[in-house]
Amino acid sequence: MKKTIFVLGLAMLSLASCTATKTASTTTVPDMHTSENALSYDGIYRGVLPCADCEGIKTTLYIMQDKTFKMVSEYLGKEESTFETKGTFTWDKTGSIIILKEQDGTTTQYEVGEDVLTMLGQDGKAVTGALAKNYILTKGNYAILNKKWKLTELMGKPITSSQTMNKEAFLMLDDKENRYSASVGCNTISGAFTVESFNRITLQDGISTMMACENNDLEIQLKQALKTADSFQVNGDELILIKGRMAPLAKFKIPMH
């Protein structure tokens, strides 16, 4: 009888030990990664923020590694409406929000994501609903501006120098004038453009010079690609114009000098 009790006791101890081991092995280690320590948050962000009495505030925000910032705000539709502010910023306790403090003491909060800053309200919460997209600044928006991108592929086909009559085939987005210019070697196409959050872009149907060109078909394709595109991707040194889930409309390589 004593032997039976002893064996039963050993079995219970073994079961308890297994249960403890299983519990220990399934314990979840808390994720200590935050925007502050896991993301390359410094850089230049761009977007158009809402404005009560103008067309929008074109905002360029420079976030520095030394915890300083510079913000350039242009009030669209108004004369002499560009202002520059500087200051410092700190992180909140969660490591996911930066608090910008201007030299006059004014503070603004932004939630930090992967290459994205979301402006928060005075209550520290993000705007929701249809207006949410209007409070976002992104790195990609600024990265494509004021550079001459070389056209390498159009409608799925590579572009060769013979097709462009050994001249530059390019796209350039002029941030100051909000106009683009593009060419496949003969005529230059130009028009207005807008860049919005989440890499959305609109290239309005532009005007063109009227020279007679051997590559007229290629020029028509370029105009169609620019008109059709509604978003873009930046992969390293490559800029890609796309529409929804369609195949790439046009590809460009690292800016030419």
C-alpha atoms as a PDB file:
ATOM      1  CA  MET A   1       0.000   0.000   0.000  1.00  0.00           C
ATOM      2  CA  LYS A   2       2.800   2.407   0.911  1.00  0.00           C
ATOM      3  CA  LYS A   3       4.545   1.520  -2.341  1.00  0.00           C
ATOM      4  CA  THR A   4       1.387   2.362  -4.296  1.00  0.00           C
ATOM      5  CA  ILE A   5       1.060   5.741  -2.593  1.00  0.00           C
ATOM      6  CA  PHE A   6       4.750   6.487  -3.228  1.00  0.00           C
ATOM      7  CA  VAL A   7       4.445   5.691  -6.955  1.00  0.00           C
ATOM      8  CA  LEU A   8       1.279   7.790  -7.223  1.00  0.00           C
ATOM      9  CA  GLY A   9       3.072  10.696  -5.535  1.00  0.00           C
ATOM     10  CA  LEU A  10       5.941  10.487  -8.002  1.00  0.00           C
ATOM     11  CA  ALA A  11       3.496  10.529 -10.908  1.00  0.00           C
ATOM     12  CA  MET A  12       1.774  13.650  -9.562  1.00  0.00           C
ATOM     13  CA  LEU A  13       5.112  15.402  -9.066  1.00  0.00           C
ATOM     14  CA  SER A  14       6.135  14.487 -12.626  1.00  0.00           C
ATOM     15  CA  LEU A  15       2.845  15.847 -13.996  1.00  0.00           C
ATOM     16  CA  ALA A  16       3.247  19.075 -12.028  1.00  0.00           C
ATOM     17  CA  SER A  17       6.792  19.431 -13.336  1.00  0.00           C
ATOM     18  CA  CYS A  18       5.663  18.968 -16.950  1.00  0.00           C
ATOM     19  CA  THR A  19       2.855  21.485 -16.482  1.00  0.00           C
ATOM     20  CA  ALA A  20       5.260  24.047 -15.024  1.00  0.00           C
ATOM     21  CA  THR A  21       7.731  23.452 -17.872  1.00  0.00           C
ATOM     22  CA  LYS A  22       4.966  23.841 -20.466  1.00  0.00           C
ATOM     23  CA  THR A  23       3.736  27.053 -18.841  1.00  0.00           C
ATOM     24  CA  ALA A  24       7.237  28.503 -18.751  1.00  0.00           C
ATOM     25  CA  SER A  25       7.908  27.596 -22.370  1.00  0.00           C
ATOM     26  CA  THR A  26       4.723  29.311 -23.601  1.00  0.00           C
ATOM     27  CA  THR A  27       5.260  32.554 -21.704  1.00  0.00           C
ATOM     28  CA  THR A  28       5.137  35.453 -24.193  1.00  0.00           C
ATOM     29  CA  VAL A  29       8.096  37.809 -24.151  1.00  0.00           C
ATOM     30  CA  PRO A  30       6.823  41.391 -24.474  1.00  0.00           C
ATOM     31  CA  ASP A  31       7.814  43.191 -27.699  1.00  0.00           C
ATOM     32  CA  MET A  32      10.135  46.034 -26.699  1.00  0.00           C
ATOM     33  CA  HIS A  33      10.365  47.482 -30.213  1.00  0.00           C
ATOM     34  CA  THR A  34       9.053  51.027 -30.583  1.00  0.00           C
ATOM     35  CA  SER A  35       9.094  53.605 -33.362  1.00  0.00           C
ATOM     36  CA  GLU A  36      11.899  55.351 -31.508  1.00  0.00           C
ATOM     37  CA  ASN A  37      14.285  52.387 -31.413  1.00  0.00           C
ATOM     38  CA  ALA A  38      13.131  50.317 -34.398  1.00  0.00           C
ATOM     39  CA  LEU A  39      12.498  52.827 -37.224  1.00  0.00           C
ATOM     40  CA  SER A  40      14.680  55.201 -39.227  1.00  0.00           C
ATOM     41  CA  TYR A  41      12.437  58.076 -38.275  1.00  0.00           C
ATOM     42  CA  ASP A  42      14.766  60.947 -39.196  1.00  0.00           C
ATOM     43  CA  GLY A  43      14.363  62.431 -42.675  1.00  0.00           C
ATOM     44  CA  ILE A  44      12.223  64.791 -44.727  1.00  0.00           C
ATOM     45  CA  TYR A  45       8.443  64.402 -44.727  1.00  0.00           C
ATOM     46  CA  ARG A  46       5.964  66.106 -47.031  1.00  0.00           C
ATOM     47  CA  GLY A  47       2.201  66.478 -47.307  1.00  0.00           C
ATOM     48  CA  VAL A  48      -0.632  68.982 -47.614  1.00  0.00           C
ATOM     49  CA  LEU A  49      -2.407  69.597 -44.292  1.00  0.00           C
ATOM     50  CA  PRO A  50      -5.939  71.059 -44.003  1.00  0.00           C
ATOM     51  CA  CYS A  51      -6.375  74.839 -43.883  1.00  0.00           C
ATOM     52  CA  ALA A  52      -9.415  76.780 -42.702  1.00  0.00           C
ATOM     53  CA  ASP A  53      -9.007  79.743 -45.064  1.00  0.00           C
ATOM     54  CA  CYS A  54      -6.781  78.488 -47.909  1.00  0.00           C
ATOM     55  CA  GLU A  55      -6.439  75.577 -50.345  1.00  0.00           C
ATOM     56  CA  GLY A  56      -4.170  73.649 -47.982  1.00  0.00           C
ATOM     57  CA  ILE A  57      -0.865  73.947 -46.151  1.00  0.00           C
ATOM     58  CA  LYS A  58       1.966  72.345 -48.120  1.00  0.00           C
ATOM     59  CA  THR A  59       4.156  71.161 -45.267  1.00  0.00           C
ATOM     60  CA  THR A  60       7.757  70.010 -45.390  1.00  0.00           C
ATOM     61  CA  LEU A  61       9.011  68.680 -42.062  1.00  0.00           C
ATOM     62  CA  TYR A  62      12.702  67.952 -41.467  1.00  0.00           C
ATOM     63  CA  ILE A  63      13.252  65.574 -38.531  1.00  0.00           C
ATOM     64  CA  MET A  64      16.878  65.467 -37.344  1.00  0.00           C
ATOM     65  CA  GLN A  65      18.695  62.801 -35.336  1.00  0.00           C
ATOM     66  CA  ASP A  66      19.773  65.387 -32.751  1.00  0.00           C
ATOM     67  CA  LYS A  67      16.104  65.844 -31.736  1.00  0.00           C
ATOM     68  CA  THR A  68      15.673  69.132 -33.603  1.00  0.00           C
ATOM     69  CA  PHE A  69      13.284  69.905 -36.471  1.00  0.00           C
ATOM     70  CA  LYS A  70      12.550  72.457 -39.142  1.00  0.00           C
ATOM     71  CA  MET A  71       9.110  72.956 -40.688  1.00  0.00           C
ATOM     72  CA  VAL A  72       8.388  74.900 -43.868  1.00  0.00           C
ATOM     73  CA  SER A  73       4.691  75.702 -44.347  1.00  0.00           C
ATOM     74  CA  GLU A  74       3.280  77.165 -47.569  1.00  0.00           C
ATOM     75  CA  TYR A  75      -0.319  78.369 -47.457  1.00  0.00           C
ATOM     76  CA  LEU A  76      -1.567  77.491 -50.935  1.00  0.00           C
ATOM     77  CA  GLY A  77      -3.539  80.148 -52.775  1.00  0.00           C
ATOM     78  CA  LYS A  78      -2.103  83.027 -50.756  1.00  0.00           C
ATOM     79  CA  GLU A  79       0.663  85.483 -51.586  1.00  0.00           C
ATOM     80  CA  GLU A  80       3.805  85.642 -49.456  1.00  0.00           C
ATOM     81  CA  SER A  81       2.528  82.714 -47.472  1.00  0.00           C
ATOM     82  CA  THR A  82       5.614  80.603 -46.777  1.00  0.00           C
ATOM     83  CA  PHE A  83       6.766  80.367 -43.174  1.00  0.00           C
ATOM     84  CA  GLU A  84       9.597  78.503 -41.475  1.00  0.00           C
ATOM     85  CA  THR A  85       9.665  77.354 -37.868  1.00  0.00           C
ATOM     86  CA  LYS A  86      12.298  75.500 -35.871  1.00  0.00           C
ATOM     87  CA  GLY A  87      12.458  73.753 -32.533  1.00  0.00           C
ATOM     88  CA  THR A  88      13.121  70.529 -30.689  1.00  0.00           C
ATOM     89  CA  PHE A  89      11.137  67.361 -30.163  1.00  0.00           C
ATOM     90  CA  THR A  90      10.777  64.648 -27.544  1.00  0.00           C
ATOM     91  CA  TRP A  91       9.256  61.164 -27.520  1.00  0.00           C
ATOM     92  CA  ASP A  92       6.266  60.210 -25.421  1.00  0.00           C
ATOM     93  CA  LYS A  93       6.391  57.298 -22.941  1.00  0.00           C
ATOM     94  CA  THR A  94       5.290  54.766 -25.560  1.00  0.00           C
ATOM     95  CA  GLY A  95       8.104  55.661 -27.954  1.00  0.00           C
ATOM     96  CA  SER A  96       5.590  55.992 -30.794  1.00  0.00           C
ATOM     97  CA  ILE A  97       4.749  59.713 -30.739  1.00  0.00           C
ATOM     98  CA  ILE A  98       7.010  62.739 -31.150  1.00  0.00           C
ATOM     99  CA  ILE A  99       6.090  66.061 -29.586  1.00  0.00           C
ATOM    100  CA  LEU A 100       7.362  69.062 -31.555  1.00  0.00           C
ATOM    101  CA  LYS A 101       8.006  72.190 -29.534  1.00  0.00           C
ATOM    102  CA  GLU A 102       8.528  75.393 -31.497  1.00  0.00           C
ATOM    103  CA  GLN A 103      10.670  78.256 -30.211  1.00  0.00           C
ATOM    104  CA  ASP A 104       7.540  80.135 -29.083  1.00  0.00           C
ATOM    105  CA  GLY A 105       6.383  77.140 -27.041  1.00  0.00           C
ATOM    106  CA  THR A 106       3.721  75.867 -29.447  1.00  0.00           C
ATOM    107  CA  THR A 107       3.536  72.057 -29.466  1.00  0.00           C
ATOM    108  CA  THR A 108       2.290  69.579 -32.072  1.00  0.00           C
ATOM    109  CA  GLN A 109       2.160  65.797 -31.861  1.00  0.00           C
ATOM    110  CA  TYR A 110       2.836  63.281 -34.630  1.00  0.00           C
ATOM    111  CA  GLU A 111       2.481  59.513 -34.494  1.00  0.00           C
ATOM    112  CA  VAL A 112       5.532  57.897 -36.116  1.00  0.00           C
ATOM    113  CA  GLY A 113       5.156  54.987 -38.549  1.00  0.00           C
ATOM    114  CA  GLU A 114       7.288  53.439 -41.282  1.00  0.00           C
ATOM    115  CA  ASP A 115       8.248  56.525 -43.354  1.00  0.00           C
ATOM    116  CA  VAL A 116       4.984  58.175 -42.218  1.00  0.00           C
ATOM    117  CA  LEU A 117       4.032  60.884 -39.720  1.00  0.00           C
ATOM    118  CA  THR A 118       0.380  61.269 -38.709  1.00  0.00           C
ATOM    119  CA  MET A 119      -0.584  64.608 -37.190  1.00  0.00           C
ATOM    120  CA  LEU A 120      -2.619  64.188 -34.002  1.00  0.00           C
ATOM    121  CA  GLY A 121      -5.301  66.428 -32.548  1.00  0.00           C
ATOM    122  CA  GLN A 122      -4.910  68.417 -29.337  1.00  0.00           C
ATOM    123  CA  ASP A 123      -6.374  65.435 -27.495  1.00  0.00           C
ATOM    124  CA  GLY A 124      -3.486  63.278 -28.714  1.00  0.00           C
ATOM    125  CA  LYS A 125      -5.705  61.172 -30.968  1.00  0.00           C
ATOM    126  CA  ALA A 126      -5.598  60.653 -34.729  1.00  0.00           C
ATOM    127  CA  VAL A 127      -8.381  61.974 -36.938  1.00  0.00           C
ATOM    128  CA  THR A 128     -10.567  59.152 -38.248  1.00  0.00           C
ATOM    129  CA  GLY A 129     -12.909  58.726 -41.184  1.00  0.00           C
ATOM    130  CA  ALA A 130     -12.674  60.268 -44.637  1.00  0.00           C
ATOM    131  CA  LEU A 131     -10.515  63.189 -43.442  1.00  0.00           C
ATOM    132  CA  ALA A 132      -7.802  60.984 -41.902  1.00  0.00           C
ATOM    133  CA  LYS A 133      -5.687  60.935 -45.074  1.00  0.00           C
ATOM    134  CA  ASN A 134      -5.366  64.736 -44.946  1.00  0.00           C
ATOM    135  CA  TYR A 135      -3.259  64.657 -41.780  1.00  0.00           C
ATOM    136  CA  ILE A 136      -0.406  62.469 -43.043  1.00  0.00           C
ATOM    137  CA  LEU A 137       3.146  63.403 -44.071  1.00  0.00           C
ATOM    138  CA  THR A 138       5.336  60.855 -45.857  1.00  0.00           C
ATOM    139  CA  LYS A 139       8.969  60.552 -46.863  1.00  0.00           C
ATOM    140  CA  GLY A 140       8.133  59.199 -50.325  1.00  0.00           C
ATOM    141  CA  ASN A 141       6.261  62.372 -51.271  1.00  0.00           C
ATOM    142  CA  TYR A 142       9.387  64.480 -50.940  1.00  0.00           C
ATOM    143  CA  ALA A 143      11.839  61.910 -52.342  1.00  0.00           C
ATOM    144  CA  ILE A 144      10.516  62.144 -55.911  1.00  0.00           C
ATOM    145  CA  LEU A 145      10.488  65.935 -56.216  1.00  0.00           C
ATOM    146  CA  ASN A 146      12.918  68.271 -58.003  1.00  0.00           C
ATOM    147  CA  LYS A 147      14.826  65.426 -59.646  1.00  0.00           C
ATOM    148  CA  LYS A 148      15.216  64.403 -63.266  1.00  0.00           C
ATOM    149  CA  TRP A 149      14.200  60.742 -63.467  1.00  0.00           C
ATOM    150  CA  LYS A 150      15.398  58.712 -66.452  1.00  0.00           C
ATOM    151  CA  LEU A 151      12.674  56.712 -68.216  1.00  0.00           C
ATOM    152  CA  THR A 152      13.699  53.027 -68.479  1.00  0.00           C
ATOM    153  CA  GLU A 153      10.424  51.210 -69.164  1.00  0.00           C
ATOM    154  CA  LEU A 154       7.071  52.222 -70.641  1.00  0.00           C
ATOM    155  CA  MET A 155       3.956  50.046 -70.716  1.00  0.00           C
ATOM    156  CA  GLY A 156       6.034  46.978 -69.854  1.00  0.00           C
ATOM    157  CA  LYS A 157       8.670  47.483 -72.576  1.00  0.00           C
ATOM    158  CA  PRO A 158      12.252  48.704 -72.035  1.00  0.00           C
ATOM    159  CA  ILE A 159      13.256  52.080 -73.469  1.00  0.00           C
ATOM    160  CA  THR A 160      16.375  52.230 -75.665  1.00  0.00           C
ATOM    161  CA  SER A 161      18.394  55.247 -76.740  1.00  0.00           C
ATOM    162  CA  SER A 162      17.522  54.599 -80.403  1.00  0.00           C
ATOM    163  CA  GLN A 163      13.825  54.981 -79.565  1.00  0.00           C
ATOM    164  CA  THR A 164      14.476  58.379 -77.992  1.00  0.00           C
ATOM    165  CA  MET A 165      16.767  59.531 -80.826  1.00  0.00           C
ATOM    166  CA  ASN A 166      19.726  59.387 -78.413  1.00  0.00           C
ATOM    167  CA  LYS A 167      18.174  62.122 -76.272  1.00  0.00           C
ATOM    168  CA  GLU A 168      17.059  62.098 -72.653  1.00  0.00           C
ATOM    169  CA  ALA A 169      13.744  60.455 -71.861  1.00  0.00           C
ATOM    170  CA  PHE A 170      12.734  61.765 -68.469  1.00  0.00           C
ATOM    171  CA  LEU A 171      10.180  62.902 -65.915  1.00  0.00           C
ATOM    172  CA  MET A 172      10.723  65.872 -63.596  1.00  0.00           C
ATOM    173  CA  LEU A 173       8.405  67.104 -60.846  1.00  0.00           C
ATOM    174  CA  ASP A 174       8.967  70.789 -60.011  1.00  0.00           C
ATOM    175  CA  ASP A 175       7.913  71.299 -56.406  1.00  0.00           C
ATOM    176  CA  LYS A 176       7.977  75.105 -56.514  1.00  0.00           C
ATOM    177  CA  GLU A 177       5.697  75.446 -59.534  1.00  0.00           C
ATOM    178  CA  ASN A 178       3.673  72.257 -58.900  1.00  0.00           C
ATOM    179  CA  ARG A 179       4.239  71.280 -62.519  1.00  0.00           C
ATOM    180  CA  TYR A 180       5.812  68.284 -64.206  1.00  0.00           C
ATOM    181  CA  SER A 181       7.729  67.998 -67.451  1.00  0.00           C
ATOM    182  CA  ALA A 182       8.415  64.812 -69.403  1.00  0.00           C
ATOM    183  CA  SER A 183       9.835  63.747 -72.731  1.00  0.00           C
ATOM    184  CA  VAL A 184      10.825  60.716 -74.778  1.00  0.00           C
ATOM    185  CA  GLY A 185      13.356  62.674 -76.794  1.00  0.00           C
ATOM    186  CA  CYS A 186      11.352  65.041 -78.974  1.00  0.00           C
ATOM    187  CA  ASN A 187       8.454  67.095 -77.631  1.00  0.00           C
ATOM    188  CA  THR A 188       8.203  68.117 -73.978  1.00  0.00           C
ATOM    189  CA  ILE A 189       4.957  67.410 -72.155  1.00  0.00           C
ATOM    190  CA  SER A 190       4.089  69.586 -69.156  1.00  0.00           C
ATOM    191  CA  GLY A 191       1.197  69.953 -66.752  1.00  0.00           C
ATOM    192  CA  ALA A 192       0.131  70.389 -63.147  1.00  0.00           C
ATOM    193  CA  PHE A 193       0.500  67.628 -60.574  1.00  0.00           C
ATOM    194  CA  THR A 194      -0.413  66.886 -56.980  1.00  0.00           C
ATOM    195  CA  VAL A 195       1.159  64.425 -54.566  1.00  0.00           C
ATOM    196  CA  GLU A 196      -0.847  63.229 -51.569  1.00  0.00           C
ATOM    197  CA  SER A 197      -0.452  60.834 -48.662  1.00  0.00           C
ATOM    198  CA  PHE A 198       0.135  57.112 -49.190  1.00  0.00           C
ATOM    199  CA  ASN A 199       2.109  57.831 -52.382  1.00  0.00           C
ATOM    200  CA  ARG A 200      -0.891  58.991 -54.371  1.00  0.00           C
ATOM    201  CA  ILE A 201      -0.202  61.182 -57.393  1.00  0.00           C
ATOM    202  CA  THR A 202      -2.229  62.974 -60.042  1.00  0.00           C
ATOM    203  CA  LEU A 203      -0.559  64.139 -63.256  1.00  0.00           C
ATOM    204  CA  GLN A 204      -3.036  66.279 -65.127  1.00  0.00           C
ATOM    205  CA  ASP A 205      -3.375  65.965 -68.888  1.00  0.00           C
ATOM    206  CA  GLY A 206      -0.610  68.289 -70.056  1.00  0.00           C
ATOM    207  CA  ILE A 207       0.213  70.440 -73.031  1.00  0.00           C
ATOM    208  CA  SER A 208       2.990  69.523 -75.452  1.00  0.00           C
ATOM    209  CA  THR A 209       5.302  71.232 -77.875  1.00  0.00           C
ATOM    210  CA  MET A 210       4.306  70.524 -81.490  1.00  0.00           C
ATOM    211  CA  MET A 211       7.417  69.282 -83.292  1.00  0.00           C
ATOM    212  CA  ALA A 212       7.045  66.465 -85.828  1.00  0.00           C
ATOM    213  CA  CYS A 213       8.682  63.394 -84.265  1.00  0.00           C
ATOM    214  CA  GLU A 214       9.671  59.957 -85.500  1.00  0.00           C
ATOM    215  CA  ASN A 215       8.691  58.395 -82.156  1.00  0.00           C
ATOM    216  CA  ASN A 216       5.176  59.835 -82.021  1.00  0.00           C
ATOM    217  CA  ASP A 217       3.670  56.521 -80.856  1.00  0.00           C
ATOM    218  CA  LEU A 218       6.039  56.431 -77.875  1.00  0.00           C
ATOM    219  CA  GLU A 219       5.063  59.961 -76.956  1.00  0.00           C
ATOM    220  CA  ILE A 220       1.367  59.069 -77.025  1.00  0.00           C
ATOM    221  CA  GLN A 221       2.069  56.114 -74.712  1.00  0.00           C
ATOM    222  CA  LEU A 222       3.944  58.340 -72.269  1.00  0.00           C
ATOM    223  CA  LYS A 223       1.096  60.868 -72.153  1.00  0.00           C
ATOM    224  CA  GLN A 224      -1.377  58.052 -71.521  1.00  0.00           C
ATOM    225  CA  ALA A 225       0.777  56.569 -68.739  1.00  0.00           C
ATOM    226  CA  LEU A 226       1.097  59.923 -66.972  1.00  0.00           C
ATOM    227  CA  LYS A 227      -2.628  60.608 -67.257  1.00  0.00           C
ATOM    228  CA  THR A 228      -3.567  57.130 -66.013  1.00  0.00           C
ATOM    229  CA  ALA A 229      -1.217  56.870 -63.004  1.00  0.00           C
ATOM    230  CA  ASP A 230      -2.782  57.416 -59.584  1.00  0.00           C
ATOM    231  CA  SER A 231       0.070  56.304 -57.300  1.00  0.00           C
ATOM    232  CA  PHE A 232       3.774  55.596 -57.240  1.00  0.00           C
ATOM    233  CA  GLN A 233       6.398  53.416 -55.598  1.00  0.00           C
ATOM    234  CA  VAL A 234      10.030  54.189 -54.797  1.00  0.00           C
ATOM    235  CA  ASN A 235      12.253  51.104 -54.624  1.00  0.00           C
ATOM    236  CA  GLY A 236      15.815  52.186 -53.950  1.00  0.00           C
ATOM    237  CA  ASP A 237      16.868  54.160 -57.024  1.00  0.00           C
ATOM    238  CA  GLU A 238      13.731  53.326 -59.005  1.00  0.00           C
ATOM    239  CA  LEU A 239      10.482  55.288 -59.362  1.00  0.00           C
ATOM    240  CA  ILE A 240       7.428  53.361 -60.609  1.00  0.00           C
ATOM    241  CA  LEU A 241       4.134  54.891 -61.738  1.00  0.00           C
ATOM    242  CA  ILE A 242       1.139  52.605 -61.243  1.00  0.00           C
ATOM    243  CA  LYS A 243      -2.655  52.538 -61.169  1.00  0.00           C
ATOM    244  CA  GLY A 244      -4.321  50.292 -58.620  1.00  0.00           C
ATOM    245  CA  ARG A 245      -3.168  46.716 -59.114  1.00  0.00           C
ATOM    246  CA  MET A 246      -2.364  47.112 -62.782  1.00  0.00           C
ATOM    247  CA  ALA A 247       1.092  46.317 -64.129  1.00  0.00           C
ATOM    248  CA  PRO A 248       3.554  49.232 -63.880  1.00  0.00           C
ATOM    249  CA  LEU A 249       2.777  51.995 -66.350  1.00  0.00           C
ATOM    250  CA  ALA A 250       6.281  53.479 -66.400  1.00  0.00           C
ATOM    251  CA  LYS A 251       9.590  52.973 -64.613  1.00  0.00           C
ATOM    252  CA  PHE A 252      12.359  55.514 -64.025  1.00  0.00           C
ATOM    253  CA  LYS A 253      15.834  55.141 -62.590  1.00  0.00           C
ATOM    254  CA  ILE A 254      17.944  57.180 -60.195  1.00  0.00           C
ATOM    255  CA  PRO A 255      17.961  60.904 -61.029  1.00  0.00           C
ATOM    256  CA  MET A 256      20.246  62.034 -63.811  1.00  0.00           C
ATOM    257  CA  HIS A 257      22.778  64.754 -63.111  1.00  0.00           C
END
